[in-house]
């Protein structure tokens, strides 16, 4: 997307990756996007994603879980996905590490942060990042890649930018201890330009790529 390229054209800024959010989209729509060159896709629900992952296995796509993950579905998620972006509690770290198969590469993991402290939203508090990062780094079957957030969808865009900037500061602090981390996943269809401006290295775009969202399917992950 040219808007992503334009927003990230600043000296020293890392390349921004596009994650196509394919929840509610069928395998044919994803295959069409893959033929156009998109390789990474994000799904919110484990049960909805599994048949699509299986149907498109031959295309060599990269699958990210970007929705809340229940611990009782960690075994499925650990082996179906390449990334889990919504790790927010130690119990989930342990479950993913236990179930990730030795025959697969380590599972790439992002820590989800509830940056605006919303009662209705998943994610850890900023002060919990350090302990979660240590637990992930100590698990051989997991690989810490960075942080993820979904700021409150307030109409005040400067407030959202402030949340993005706060996330960038948390990422920089974490990178002092874990210099290999490379992913700050934030920004969606309506605010990805602001997210990139504040330091996002991955944006999650759905409707701007696929068009208006289809009716919701599946069960919570």
N, C-alpha and C. Protein backbone atom coordinates (compact mmCIF):
# COMPACT_ATOMS: atom_id res chain seq x y z
N UNK A 1 0.85 -1.20 0.00
CA UNK A 1 0.00 0.00 0.00
C UNK A 1 0.88 1.24 0.00
N UNK A 2 0.59 2.15 -0.93
CA UNK A 2 1.43 3.34 -1.05
C UNK A 2 1.37 4.21 0.20
N UNK A 3 0.23 4.25 0.90
CA UNK A 3 0.15 5.05 2.12
C UNK A 3 1.13 4.56 3.18
N UNK A 4 1.28 3.25 3.29
CA UNK A 4 2.24 2.70 4.23
C UNK A 4 3.66 3.07 3.82
N UNK A 5 3.96 2.95 2.54
CA UNK A 5 5.29 3.30 2.06
C UNK A 5 5.59 4.77 2.31
N UNK A 6 4.62 5.63 2.03
CA UNK A 6 4.83 7.06 2.23
C UNK A 6 5.02 7.41 3.71
N UNK A 7 4.21 6.78 4.57
CA UNK A 7 4.29 7.08 6.00
C UNK A 7 5.60 6.63 6.61
N UNK A 8 6.23 5.61 6.02
CA UNK A 8 7.45 5.06 6.60
C UNK A 8 8.71 5.55 5.92
N UNK A 9 8.60 6.49 5.00
CA UNK A 9 9.78 7.00 4.30
C UNK A 9 10.45 8.11 5.09
N UNK A 10 11.13 7.68 6.14
CA UNK A 10 11.92 8.61 6.94
C UNK A 10 13.26 7.98 7.22
N UNK A 11 14.34 8.76 7.20
CA UNK A 11 15.68 8.20 7.39
C UNK A 11 15.78 7.39 8.68
N UNK A 12 16.36 6.20 8.56
CA UNK A 12 16.58 5.37 9.73
C UNK A 12 15.38 4.58 10.20
N UNK A 13 14.21 4.76 9.56
CA UNK A 13 13.01 4.05 9.99
C UNK A 13 13.01 2.64 9.39
N UNK A 14 12.73 1.61 10.21
CA UNK A 14 12.69 0.25 9.68
C UNK A 14 11.51 0.06 8.73
N UNK A 15 11.63 -0.95 7.90
CA UNK A 15 10.54 -1.29 6.99
C UNK A 15 9.29 -1.66 7.79
N UNK A 16 8.15 -1.16 7.36
CA UNK A 16 6.89 -1.46 8.03
C UNK A 16 6.21 -2.62 7.32
N UNK A 17 5.89 -3.66 8.08
CA UNK A 17 5.24 -4.83 7.52
C UNK A 17 3.72 -4.66 7.55
N UNK A 18 3.08 -5.16 6.52
CA UNK A 18 1.62 -5.14 6.43
C UNK A 18 1.08 -6.51 6.79
N UNK A 19 0.23 -6.55 7.81
CA UNK A 19 -0.49 -7.77 8.17
C UNK A 19 -1.93 -7.61 7.70
N UNK A 20 -2.35 -8.46 6.79
CA UNK A 20 -3.71 -8.41 6.27
C UNK A 20 -4.64 -9.14 7.24
N UNK A 21 -5.60 -8.41 7.82
CA UNK A 21 -6.52 -9.00 8.79
C UNK A 21 -7.63 -9.70 8.02
N UNK A 22 -7.61 -11.03 8.10
CA UNK A 22 -8.50 -11.84 7.24
C UNK A 22 -9.64 -12.48 8.00
N UNK A 23 -9.89 -12.04 9.24
CA UNK A 23 -11.03 -12.61 9.97
C UNK A 23 -12.32 -12.33 9.19
N UNK A 24 -13.19 -13.28 9.18
CA UNK A 24 -14.48 -13.30 8.47
C UNK A 24 -14.32 -13.45 6.95
N UNK A 25 -13.11 -13.42 6.43
CA UNK A 25 -12.88 -13.59 4.99
C UNK A 25 -12.68 -15.07 4.69
N UNK A 26 -13.15 -15.52 3.54
CA UNK A 26 -13.02 -16.94 3.24
C UNK A 26 -11.67 -17.22 2.58
N UNK A 27 -11.40 -18.51 2.40
CA UNK A 27 -10.10 -18.92 1.86
C UNK A 27 -9.87 -18.37 0.46
N UNK A 28 -10.92 -18.25 -0.34
CA UNK A 28 -10.76 -17.73 -1.70
C UNK A 28 -10.30 -16.28 -1.69
N UNK A 29 -10.86 -15.47 -0.80
CA UNK A 29 -10.45 -14.07 -0.71
C UNK A 29 -9.00 -13.95 -0.26
N UNK A 30 -8.60 -14.81 0.67
CA UNK A 30 -7.22 -14.79 1.14
C UNK A 30 -6.28 -15.24 0.02
N UNK A 31 -6.68 -16.27 -0.72
CA UNK A 31 -5.86 -16.75 -1.83
C UNK A 31 -5.68 -15.66 -2.88
N UNK A 32 -6.73 -14.91 -3.15
CA UNK A 32 -6.63 -13.80 -4.11
C UNK A 32 -5.61 -12.77 -3.62
N UNK A 33 -5.65 -12.46 -2.34
CA UNK A 33 -4.70 -11.49 -1.77
C UNK A 33 -3.28 -12.05 -1.83
N UNK A 34 -3.15 -13.34 -1.60
CA UNK A 34 -1.83 -13.97 -1.67
C UNK A 34 -1.27 -13.91 -3.09
N UNK A 35 -2.13 -14.11 -4.07
CA UNK A 35 -1.67 -14.04 -5.46
C UNK A 35 -1.21 -12.63 -5.82
N UNK A 36 -1.75 -11.63 -5.11
CA UNK A 36 -1.33 -10.25 -5.35
C UNK A 36 -0.03 -9.92 -4.62
N UNK A 37 0.49 -10.87 -3.84
CA UNK A 37 1.78 -10.68 -3.20
C UNK A 37 1.78 -10.60 -1.69
N UNK A 38 0.60 -10.60 -1.05
CA UNK A 38 0.54 -10.52 0.41
C UNK A 38 0.83 -11.89 1.01
N UNK A 39 1.70 -11.95 2.02
CA UNK A 39 2.09 -13.24 2.58
C UNK A 39 1.64 -13.45 4.01
N UNK A 40 1.42 -12.39 4.77
CA UNK A 40 1.11 -12.51 6.20
C UNK A 40 -0.35 -12.14 6.46
N UNK A 41 -1.05 -12.99 7.21
CA UNK A 41 -2.47 -12.80 7.47
C UNK A 41 -2.76 -12.96 8.96
N UNK A 42 -3.68 -12.13 9.46
CA UNK A 42 -4.04 -12.15 10.86
C UNK A 42 -5.46 -12.62 11.09
N UNK A 43 -5.63 -13.51 12.04
CA UNK A 43 -6.93 -14.06 12.38
C UNK A 43 -7.22 -13.84 13.86
N UNK A 44 -8.50 -13.61 14.18
CA UNK A 44 -8.90 -13.35 15.57
C UNK A 44 -9.31 -14.59 16.33
N UNK A 45 -9.82 -15.60 15.62
CA UNK A 45 -10.40 -16.76 16.28
C UNK A 45 -9.74 -18.04 15.80
N UNK A 46 -9.30 -18.85 16.73
CA UNK A 46 -8.61 -20.08 16.39
C UNK A 46 -9.50 -20.98 15.54
N UNK A 47 -10.73 -21.21 15.98
CA UNK A 47 -11.60 -22.16 15.28
C UNK A 47 -11.96 -21.68 13.88
N UNK A 48 -12.09 -20.38 13.69
CA UNK A 48 -12.37 -19.86 12.35
C UNK A 48 -11.15 -19.98 11.46
N UNK A 49 -9.98 -19.81 12.04
CA UNK A 49 -8.75 -19.80 11.24
C UNK A 49 -8.32 -21.18 10.79
N UNK A 50 -8.53 -22.20 11.60
CA UNK A 50 -7.96 -23.52 11.32
C UNK A 50 -8.31 -24.06 9.93
N UNK A 51 -9.58 -24.04 9.51
CA UNK A 51 -9.85 -24.58 8.17
C UNK A 51 -9.23 -23.75 7.05
N UNK A 52 -9.10 -22.45 7.26
CA UNK A 52 -8.45 -21.62 6.24
C UNK A 52 -6.96 -21.92 6.16
N UNK A 53 -6.33 -22.07 7.32
CA UNK A 53 -4.90 -22.40 7.33
C UNK A 53 -4.66 -23.72 6.62
N UNK A 54 -5.52 -24.70 6.89
CA UNK A 54 -5.38 -26.01 6.26
C UNK A 54 -5.61 -25.92 4.76
N UNK A 55 -6.65 -25.20 4.35
CA UNK A 55 -6.98 -25.12 2.92
C UNK A 55 -5.89 -24.43 2.12
N UNK A 56 -5.17 -23.50 2.75
CA UNK A 56 -4.18 -22.69 2.03
C UNK A 56 -2.75 -23.09 2.38
N UNK A 57 -2.59 -24.25 2.98
CA UNK A 57 -1.26 -24.65 3.46
C UNK A 57 -0.23 -24.67 2.34
N UNK A 58 -0.65 -25.02 1.15
CA UNK A 58 0.30 -25.11 0.04
C UNK A 58 0.85 -23.78 -0.44
N UNK A 59 0.28 -22.67 0.02
CA UNK A 59 0.73 -21.36 -0.43
C UNK A 59 1.88 -20.81 0.41
N UNK A 60 2.21 -21.48 1.52
CA UNK A 60 3.32 -21.03 2.35
C UNK A 60 3.09 -19.69 3.01
N UNK A 61 1.87 -19.44 3.48
CA UNK A 61 1.55 -18.15 4.09
C UNK A 61 1.99 -18.12 5.56
N UNK A 62 2.08 -16.91 6.08
CA UNK A 62 2.44 -16.70 7.48
C UNK A 62 1.18 -16.29 8.23
N UNK A 63 0.87 -17.01 9.32
CA UNK A 63 -0.39 -16.82 10.03
C UNK A 63 -0.13 -16.25 11.43
N UNK A 64 -0.86 -15.18 11.75
CA UNK A 64 -0.75 -14.50 13.04
C UNK A 64 -2.08 -14.58 13.76
N UNK A 65 -2.05 -14.97 15.03
CA UNK A 65 -3.24 -14.86 15.87
C UNK A 65 -3.22 -13.48 16.51
N UNK A 66 -4.27 -12.70 16.26
CA UNK A 66 -4.31 -11.32 16.76
C UNK A 66 -5.50 -11.09 17.68
N UNK A 67 -6.25 -12.14 17.99
CA UNK A 67 -7.36 -12.03 18.91
C UNK A 67 -7.02 -12.66 20.25
N UNK A 68 -7.84 -12.37 21.25
CA UNK A 68 -7.65 -12.92 22.59
C UNK A 68 -7.63 -14.44 22.54
N UNK A 69 -6.66 -15.03 23.22
CA UNK A 69 -6.50 -16.48 23.22
C UNK A 69 -6.84 -17.05 24.58
N UNK A 70 -7.81 -17.96 24.61
CA UNK A 70 -8.14 -18.68 25.83
C UNK A 70 -7.10 -19.78 26.04
N UNK A 71 -6.74 -20.00 27.28
CA UNK A 71 -5.69 -20.99 27.58
C UNK A 71 -6.05 -22.38 27.09
N UNK A 72 -7.34 -22.71 27.07
CA UNK A 72 -7.72 -24.06 26.65
C UNK A 72 -7.60 -24.27 25.15
N UNK A 73 -7.29 -23.22 24.41
CA UNK A 73 -7.05 -23.36 22.98
C UNK A 73 -5.59 -23.09 22.62
N UNK A 74 -4.75 -22.99 23.64
CA UNK A 74 -3.34 -22.70 23.41
C UNK A 74 -2.65 -23.80 22.61
N UNK A 75 -3.03 -25.05 22.85
CA UNK A 75 -2.39 -26.15 22.13
C UNK A 75 -2.65 -26.05 20.64
N UNK A 76 -3.89 -25.75 20.28
CA UNK A 76 -4.21 -25.57 18.86
C UNK A 76 -3.46 -24.39 18.27
N UNK A 77 -3.48 -23.27 18.97
CA UNK A 77 -2.84 -22.06 18.46
C UNK A 77 -1.33 -22.24 18.34
N UNK A 78 -0.74 -22.93 19.30
CA UNK A 78 0.71 -23.07 19.32
C UNK A 78 1.25 -23.78 18.09
N UNK A 79 0.44 -24.63 17.49
CA UNK A 79 0.91 -25.42 16.35
C UNK A 79 0.31 -25.01 15.01
N UNK A 80 -0.77 -24.22 15.04
CA UNK A 80 -1.38 -23.78 13.78
C UNK A 80 -0.79 -22.45 13.29
N UNK A 81 -0.40 -21.59 14.23
CA UNK A 81 0.05 -20.25 13.87
C UNK A 81 1.57 -20.13 13.90
N UNK A 82 2.06 -19.15 13.15
CA UNK A 82 3.48 -18.81 13.16
C UNK A 82 3.78 -17.75 14.22
N UNK A 83 2.80 -16.89 14.46
CA UNK A 83 2.91 -15.83 15.47
C UNK A 83 1.66 -15.84 16.35
N UNK A 84 1.85 -15.52 17.62
CA UNK A 84 0.74 -15.16 18.51
C UNK A 84 1.05 -13.77 19.04
N UNK A 85 0.20 -12.80 18.68
CA UNK A 85 0.46 -11.40 19.02
C UNK A 85 -0.20 -10.97 20.33
N UNK A 86 -0.92 -11.85 20.98
CA UNK A 86 -1.77 -11.44 22.10
C UNK A 86 -1.43 -12.15 23.40
N UNK A 87 -0.15 -12.35 23.65
CA UNK A 87 0.26 -12.96 24.91
C UNK A 87 0.23 -11.89 25.99
N UNK A 88 -0.56 -12.12 27.05
CA UNK A 88 -0.74 -11.08 28.06
C UNK A 88 -0.73 -11.62 29.50
N UNK A 89 -0.37 -12.90 29.68
CA UNK A 89 -0.35 -13.46 31.03
C UNK A 89 0.57 -14.67 31.04
N UNK A 90 1.15 -14.94 32.21
CA UNK A 90 2.15 -15.99 32.33
C UNK A 90 1.57 -17.37 32.05
N UNK A 91 0.31 -17.60 32.40
CA UNK A 91 -0.32 -18.89 32.14
C UNK A 91 -0.32 -19.20 30.65
N UNK A 92 -0.52 -18.19 29.83
CA UNK A 92 -0.54 -18.39 28.39
C UNK A 92 0.87 -18.66 27.86
N UNK A 93 1.85 -17.99 28.42
CA UNK A 93 3.24 -18.25 28.03
C UNK A 93 3.56 -19.72 28.26
N UNK A 94 3.23 -20.24 29.44
CA UNK A 94 3.53 -21.62 29.78
C UNK A 94 2.80 -22.60 28.86
N UNK A 95 1.54 -22.30 28.56
CA UNK A 95 0.75 -23.21 27.71
C UNK A 95 1.29 -23.26 26.29
N UNK A 96 1.62 -22.11 25.73
CA UNK A 96 2.16 -22.08 24.37
C UNK A 96 3.51 -22.78 24.31
N UNK A 97 4.34 -22.53 25.30
CA UNK A 97 5.67 -23.15 25.32
C UNK A 97 5.57 -24.67 25.45
N UNK A 98 4.61 -25.13 26.24
CA UNK A 98 4.44 -26.57 26.44
C UNK A 98 4.00 -27.28 25.17
N UNK A 99 3.14 -26.62 24.39
CA UNK A 99 2.50 -27.31 23.27
C UNK A 99 3.15 -27.07 21.91
N UNK A 100 4.03 -26.11 21.79
CA UNK A 100 4.68 -25.88 20.50
C UNK A 100 5.54 -27.08 20.15
N UNK A 101 5.28 -27.69 18.99
CA UNK A 101 5.96 -28.93 18.60
C UNK A 101 7.44 -28.69 18.34
N UNK A 102 8.26 -29.67 18.71
CA UNK A 102 9.70 -29.59 18.48
C UNK A 102 10.04 -29.59 16.99
N UNK A 103 9.12 -30.09 16.17
CA UNK A 103 9.36 -30.16 14.73
C UNK A 103 9.13 -28.82 14.04
N UNK A 104 8.58 -27.84 14.76
CA UNK A 104 8.32 -26.52 14.20
C UNK A 104 9.35 -25.52 14.71
N UNK A 105 9.58 -24.44 13.97
CA UNK A 105 10.44 -23.38 14.51
C UNK A 105 9.81 -22.79 15.76
N UNK A 106 10.59 -22.11 16.59
CA UNK A 106 9.99 -21.44 17.76
C UNK A 106 8.84 -20.53 17.34
N UNK A 107 7.83 -20.46 18.18
CA UNK A 107 6.66 -19.62 17.92
C UNK A 107 7.01 -18.16 18.20
N UNK A 108 6.80 -17.31 17.21
CA UNK A 108 7.05 -15.88 17.40
C UNK A 108 5.94 -15.28 18.24
N UNK A 109 6.32 -14.48 19.24
CA UNK A 109 5.37 -14.00 20.23
C UNK A 109 5.52 -12.50 20.43
N UNK A 110 4.38 -11.82 20.52
CA UNK A 110 4.32 -10.43 20.93
C UNK A 110 3.56 -10.34 22.25
N UNK A 111 3.97 -9.44 23.09
CA UNK A 111 3.25 -9.16 24.34
C UNK A 111 2.21 -8.09 24.06
N UNK A 112 0.94 -8.40 24.33
CA UNK A 112 -0.12 -7.41 24.14
C UNK A 112 -0.22 -6.53 25.38
N UNK A 113 -0.20 -5.22 25.15
CA UNK A 113 -0.25 -4.25 26.24
C UNK A 113 -1.57 -3.49 26.18
N UNK A 114 -2.24 -3.40 27.29
CA UNK A 114 -3.48 -2.62 27.40
C UNK A 114 -3.07 -1.17 27.70
N UNK A 115 -2.66 -0.47 26.67
CA UNK A 115 -1.99 0.81 26.85
C UNK A 115 -2.91 1.89 27.40
N UNK A 116 -4.21 1.79 27.16
CA UNK A 116 -5.16 2.79 27.66
C UNK A 116 -5.93 2.30 28.88
N UNK A 117 -5.51 1.15 29.43
CA UNK A 117 -6.11 0.60 30.66
C UNK A 117 -7.63 0.49 30.52
N UNK A 118 -8.08 -0.11 29.41
CA UNK A 118 -9.52 -0.30 29.19
C UNK A 118 -9.98 -1.58 29.89
N UNK A 119 -11.03 -1.46 30.67
CA UNK A 119 -11.52 -2.61 31.43
C UNK A 119 -12.02 -3.72 30.51
N UNK A 120 -12.50 -3.38 29.34
CA UNK A 120 -13.09 -4.37 28.44
C UNK A 120 -12.08 -4.97 27.47
N UNK A 121 -10.81 -4.59 27.56
CA UNK A 121 -9.83 -5.02 26.57
C UNK A 121 -8.76 -5.89 27.22
N UNK A 122 -8.30 -6.90 26.46
CA UNK A 122 -7.22 -7.76 26.92
C UNK A 122 -5.90 -7.00 26.84
N UNK A 123 -4.88 -7.60 27.43
CA UNK A 123 -3.55 -6.99 27.42
C UNK A 123 -3.04 -6.79 28.83
N UNK A 124 -1.73 -6.86 28.98
CA UNK A 124 -1.15 -6.67 30.30
C UNK A 124 -0.95 -5.19 30.59
N UNK A 125 -0.72 -4.86 31.84
CA UNK A 125 -0.37 -3.50 32.20
C UNK A 125 1.11 -3.27 31.88
N UNK A 126 1.49 -2.06 31.56
CA UNK A 126 2.89 -1.81 31.19
C UNK A 126 3.90 -2.34 32.19
N UNK A 127 3.59 -2.26 33.48
CA UNK A 127 4.54 -2.72 34.49
C UNK A 127 4.71 -4.24 34.51
N UNK A 128 3.85 -4.96 33.78
CA UNK A 128 3.95 -6.42 33.73
C UNK A 128 4.78 -6.91 32.55
N UNK A 129 5.20 -6.01 31.68
CA UNK A 129 5.92 -6.41 30.48
C UNK A 129 7.21 -7.15 30.82
N UNK A 130 7.96 -6.63 31.78
CA UNK A 130 9.26 -7.22 32.10
C UNK A 130 9.18 -8.67 32.50
N UNK A 131 8.24 -9.01 33.37
CA UNK A 131 8.10 -10.39 33.83
C UNK A 131 7.67 -11.32 32.70
N UNK A 132 6.74 -10.85 31.87
CA UNK A 132 6.31 -11.66 30.73
C UNK A 132 7.43 -11.87 29.73
N UNK A 133 8.18 -10.81 29.46
CA UNK A 133 9.30 -10.93 28.53
C UNK A 133 10.32 -11.94 29.02
N UNK A 134 10.60 -11.91 30.32
CA UNK A 134 11.56 -12.85 30.89
C UNK A 134 11.07 -14.29 30.76
N UNK A 135 9.78 -14.50 30.98
CA UNK A 135 9.21 -15.84 30.86
C UNK A 135 9.28 -16.34 29.42
N UNK A 136 8.97 -15.47 28.48
CA UNK A 136 9.02 -15.85 27.06
C UNK A 136 10.46 -16.15 26.65
N UNK A 137 11.38 -15.28 27.04
CA UNK A 137 12.79 -15.46 26.67
C UNK A 137 13.36 -16.75 27.24
N UNK A 138 12.81 -17.22 28.35
CA UNK A 138 13.31 -18.44 28.99
C UNK A 138 12.71 -19.70 28.39
N UNK A 139 11.75 -19.56 27.48
CA UNK A 139 11.07 -20.72 26.89
C UNK A 139 11.69 -21.03 25.52
N UNK A 140 12.37 -22.16 25.37
CA UNK A 140 13.05 -22.47 24.11
C UNK A 140 12.12 -22.56 22.90
N UNK A 141 10.87 -22.89 23.12
CA UNK A 141 9.94 -23.06 21.99
C UNK A 141 9.24 -21.76 21.63
N UNK A 142 9.56 -20.67 22.32
CA UNK A 142 8.98 -19.37 22.01
C UNK A 142 10.10 -18.39 21.66
N UNK A 143 9.75 -17.37 20.86
CA UNK A 143 10.72 -16.35 20.49
C UNK A 143 10.07 -14.98 20.66
N UNK A 144 10.57 -14.20 21.59
CA UNK A 144 10.05 -12.86 21.83
C UNK A 144 10.42 -11.95 20.66
N UNK A 145 9.39 -11.33 20.06
CA UNK A 145 9.63 -10.43 18.92
C UNK A 145 9.30 -8.97 19.23
N UNK A 146 8.49 -8.71 20.28
CA UNK A 146 8.19 -7.32 20.60
C UNK A 146 6.84 -7.15 21.28
N UNK A 147 6.18 -6.05 20.94
CA UNK A 147 4.94 -5.65 21.61
C UNK A 147 3.82 -5.41 20.61
N UNK A 148 2.59 -5.49 21.12
CA UNK A 148 1.39 -5.23 20.33
C UNK A 148 0.40 -4.46 21.17
N UNK A 149 -0.38 -3.59 20.56
CA UNK A 149 -1.42 -2.86 21.29
C UNK A 149 -2.56 -2.47 20.35
N UNK A 150 -3.72 -2.29 20.98
CA UNK A 150 -4.91 -1.76 20.30
C UNK A 150 -5.39 -0.58 21.14
N UNK A 151 -4.91 0.63 20.87
CA UNK A 151 -5.36 1.78 21.67
C UNK A 151 -6.87 1.97 21.60
N UNK A 152 -7.40 2.67 22.58
CA UNK A 152 -8.84 2.95 22.61
C UNK A 152 -9.25 3.67 21.32
N UNK A 153 -10.37 3.27 20.70
CA UNK A 153 -10.80 3.86 19.43
C UNK A 153 -11.49 5.20 19.60
N UNK A 154 -10.83 6.11 20.27
CA UNK A 154 -11.42 7.43 20.51
C UNK A 154 -11.33 8.26 19.24
N UNK A 155 -12.29 9.16 19.00
CA UNK A 155 -12.23 10.00 17.80
C UNK A 155 -11.11 11.03 17.83
N UNK A 156 -10.58 11.29 19.02
CA UNK A 156 -9.50 12.26 19.18
C UNK A 156 -8.18 11.63 18.75
N UNK A 157 -7.76 11.89 17.49
CA UNK A 157 -6.56 11.24 16.96
C UNK A 157 -5.29 11.63 17.70
N UNK A 158 -5.13 12.88 18.18
CA UNK A 158 -3.93 13.18 18.98
C UNK A 158 -3.82 12.28 20.21
N UNK A 159 -4.96 11.92 20.82
CA UNK A 159 -4.92 11.01 21.97
C UNK A 159 -4.43 9.64 21.55
N UNK A 160 -4.87 9.17 20.39
CA UNK A 160 -4.39 7.88 19.90
C UNK A 160 -2.89 7.95 19.63
N UNK A 161 -2.45 9.05 19.04
CA UNK A 161 -1.02 9.20 18.77
C UNK A 161 -0.22 9.18 20.06
N UNK A 162 -0.77 9.74 21.10
CA UNK A 162 -0.09 9.70 22.40
C UNK A 162 0.05 8.25 22.87
N UNK A 163 -0.99 7.45 22.68
CA UNK A 163 -0.91 6.03 23.06
C UNK A 163 0.13 5.31 22.22
N UNK A 164 0.18 5.60 20.92
CA UNK A 164 1.20 5.00 20.06
C UNK A 164 2.60 5.40 20.53
N UNK A 165 2.77 6.66 20.87
CA UNK A 165 4.07 7.13 21.35
C UNK A 165 4.46 6.44 22.66
N UNK A 166 3.50 6.24 23.54
CA UNK A 166 3.76 5.52 24.78
C UNK A 166 4.22 4.09 24.49
N UNK A 167 3.57 3.45 23.52
CA UNK A 167 3.98 2.10 23.15
C UNK A 167 5.40 2.08 22.60
N UNK A 168 5.73 3.06 21.78
CA UNK A 168 7.09 3.13 21.23
C UNK A 168 8.12 3.27 22.35
N UNK A 169 7.80 4.05 23.37
CA UNK A 169 8.71 4.21 24.50
C UNK A 169 8.87 2.89 25.26
N UNK A 170 7.77 2.16 25.43
CA UNK A 170 7.86 0.85 26.10
C UNK A 170 8.70 -0.12 25.27
N UNK A 171 8.53 -0.08 23.97
CA UNK A 171 9.31 -0.94 23.08
C UNK A 171 10.80 -0.62 23.20
N UNK A 172 11.14 0.65 23.16
CA UNK A 172 12.55 1.05 23.26
C UNK A 172 13.16 0.60 24.59
N UNK A 173 12.37 0.70 25.66
CA UNK A 173 12.86 0.25 26.96
C UNK A 173 13.10 -1.25 26.97
N UNK A 174 12.17 -2.00 26.38
CA UNK A 174 12.32 -3.46 26.33
C UNK A 174 13.52 -3.85 25.47
N UNK A 175 13.78 -3.10 24.41
CA UNK A 175 14.87 -3.41 23.49
C UNK A 175 16.24 -3.24 24.13
N UNK A 176 16.32 -2.47 25.21
CA UNK A 176 17.60 -2.33 25.91
C UNK A 176 18.01 -3.69 26.48
N UNK A 177 17.06 -4.44 27.01
CA UNK A 177 17.36 -5.75 27.58
C UNK A 177 17.31 -6.85 26.54
N UNK A 178 16.46 -6.68 25.52
CA UNK A 178 16.31 -7.70 24.47
C UNK A 178 16.54 -7.03 23.11
N UNK A 179 17.79 -6.78 22.75
CA UNK A 179 18.07 -6.01 21.53
C UNK A 179 17.65 -6.69 20.23
N UNK A 180 17.31 -7.97 20.29
CA UNK A 180 16.90 -8.67 19.08
C UNK A 180 15.44 -8.39 18.71
N UNK A 181 14.64 -7.82 19.60
CA UNK A 181 13.23 -7.62 19.27
C UNK A 181 13.12 -6.62 18.12
N UNK A 182 12.11 -6.82 17.26
CA UNK A 182 12.05 -6.03 16.04
C UNK A 182 10.63 -5.63 15.63
N UNK A 183 9.63 -5.95 16.45
CA UNK A 183 8.25 -5.75 16.01
C UNK A 183 7.44 -4.97 17.03
N UNK A 184 6.89 -3.86 16.57
CA UNK A 184 5.92 -3.08 17.34
C UNK A 184 4.65 -3.03 16.49
N UNK A 185 3.70 -3.89 16.84
CA UNK A 185 2.48 -4.07 16.06
C UNK A 185 1.38 -3.17 16.60
N UNK A 186 1.05 -2.14 15.84
CA UNK A 186 -0.03 -1.23 16.24
C UNK A 186 -0.46 -0.43 15.03
N UNK A 187 -1.73 -0.03 15.05
CA UNK A 187 -2.29 0.71 13.93
C UNK A 187 -3.15 -0.19 13.06
N UNK A 188 -4.38 0.30 12.77
CA UNK A 188 -5.31 -0.44 11.93
C UNK A 188 -5.79 0.47 10.79
N UNK A 189 -6.85 0.09 10.12
CA UNK A 189 -7.22 0.76 8.88
C UNK A 189 -7.38 2.27 9.03
N UNK A 190 -7.93 2.73 10.16
CA UNK A 190 -8.23 4.15 10.27
C UNK A 190 -7.13 4.98 10.93
N UNK A 191 -6.11 4.30 11.49
CA UNK A 191 -5.09 5.08 12.20
C UNK A 191 -3.66 4.58 11.95
N UNK A 192 -3.46 3.78 10.89
CA UNK A 192 -2.13 3.20 10.70
C UNK A 192 -1.08 4.25 10.34
N UNK A 193 -1.50 5.33 9.68
CA UNK A 193 -0.52 6.38 9.35
C UNK A 193 0.04 7.00 10.62
N UNK A 194 -0.85 7.30 11.57
CA UNK A 194 -0.40 7.86 12.85
C UNK A 194 0.47 6.86 13.61
N UNK A 195 0.10 5.58 13.55
CA UNK A 195 0.89 4.56 14.24
C UNK A 195 2.30 4.46 13.65
N UNK A 196 2.40 4.49 12.33
CA UNK A 196 3.72 4.43 11.70
C UNK A 196 4.54 5.66 12.05
N UNK A 197 3.90 6.81 12.08
CA UNK A 197 4.60 8.04 12.43
C UNK A 197 5.22 7.94 13.81
N UNK A 198 4.54 7.24 14.72
CA UNK A 198 5.04 7.12 16.09
C UNK A 198 5.95 5.91 16.31
N UNK A 199 6.16 5.09 15.28
CA UNK A 199 7.14 4.02 15.42
C UNK A 199 6.68 2.61 15.15
N UNK A 200 5.46 2.39 14.69
CA UNK A 200 5.01 1.03 14.39
C UNK A 200 5.90 0.40 13.33
N UNK A 201 6.17 -0.90 13.49
CA UNK A 201 6.89 -1.65 12.46
C UNK A 201 5.98 -2.68 11.79
N UNK A 202 4.76 -2.84 12.32
CA UNK A 202 3.76 -3.70 11.69
C UNK A 202 2.40 -3.08 11.90
N UNK A 203 1.61 -3.00 10.83
CA UNK A 203 0.24 -2.48 10.94
C UNK A 203 -0.72 -3.58 10.50
N UNK A 204 -1.89 -3.59 11.11
CA UNK A 204 -2.88 -4.65 10.90
C UNK A 204 -4.07 -4.06 10.17
N UNK A 205 -4.19 -4.38 8.87
CA UNK A 205 -5.18 -3.74 8.02
C UNK A 205 -6.18 -4.77 7.52
N UNK A 206 -7.46 -4.49 7.70
CA UNK A 206 -8.50 -5.40 7.23
C UNK A 206 -9.38 -4.76 6.18
N UNK A 207 -10.32 -3.91 6.61
CA UNK A 207 -11.30 -3.36 5.67
C UNK A 207 -10.68 -2.53 4.57
N UNK A 208 -9.57 -1.85 4.83
CA UNK A 208 -8.93 -1.05 3.78
C UNK A 208 -8.36 -1.92 2.68
N UNK A 209 -8.15 -3.20 2.96
CA UNK A 209 -7.65 -4.13 1.95
C UNK A 209 -8.77 -4.94 1.32
N UNK A 210 -9.62 -5.52 2.17
CA UNK A 210 -10.63 -6.46 1.71
C UNK A 210 -11.98 -5.81 1.42
N UNK A 211 -12.18 -4.58 1.88
CA UNK A 211 -13.48 -3.95 1.76
C UNK A 211 -14.27 -4.15 3.04
N UNK A 212 -15.54 -3.73 3.07
CA UNK A 212 -16.36 -3.85 4.29
C UNK A 212 -16.38 -5.27 4.80
N UNK A 213 -16.37 -5.40 6.11
CA UNK A 213 -16.26 -6.70 6.75
C UNK A 213 -17.53 -7.51 6.58
N UNK A 214 -17.34 -8.81 6.35
CA UNK A 214 -18.46 -9.74 6.26
C UNK A 214 -19.02 -9.99 7.64
N UNK A 215 -20.22 -10.56 7.74
CA UNK A 215 -20.78 -10.89 9.06
C UNK A 215 -19.82 -11.73 9.88
N UNK A 216 -19.80 -11.51 11.19
CA UNK A 216 -18.88 -12.18 12.11
C UNK A 216 -19.14 -13.68 12.10
N UNK A 217 -18.02 -14.45 12.09
CA UNK A 217 -18.11 -15.90 12.13
C UNK A 217 -17.30 -16.42 13.30
N UNK A 218 -17.43 -17.71 13.55
CA UNK A 218 -16.54 -18.39 14.48
C UNK A 218 -16.89 -18.13 15.93
N UNK A 219 -16.11 -18.72 16.80
CA UNK A 219 -16.26 -18.57 18.23
C UNK A 219 -15.02 -17.94 18.79
N UNK A 220 -15.11 -17.29 19.95
CA UNK A 220 -13.92 -16.65 20.51
C UNK A 220 -12.77 -17.62 20.67
N UNK A 221 -11.54 -17.11 20.42
CA UNK A 221 -10.36 -17.95 20.54
C UNK A 221 -10.07 -18.26 21.98
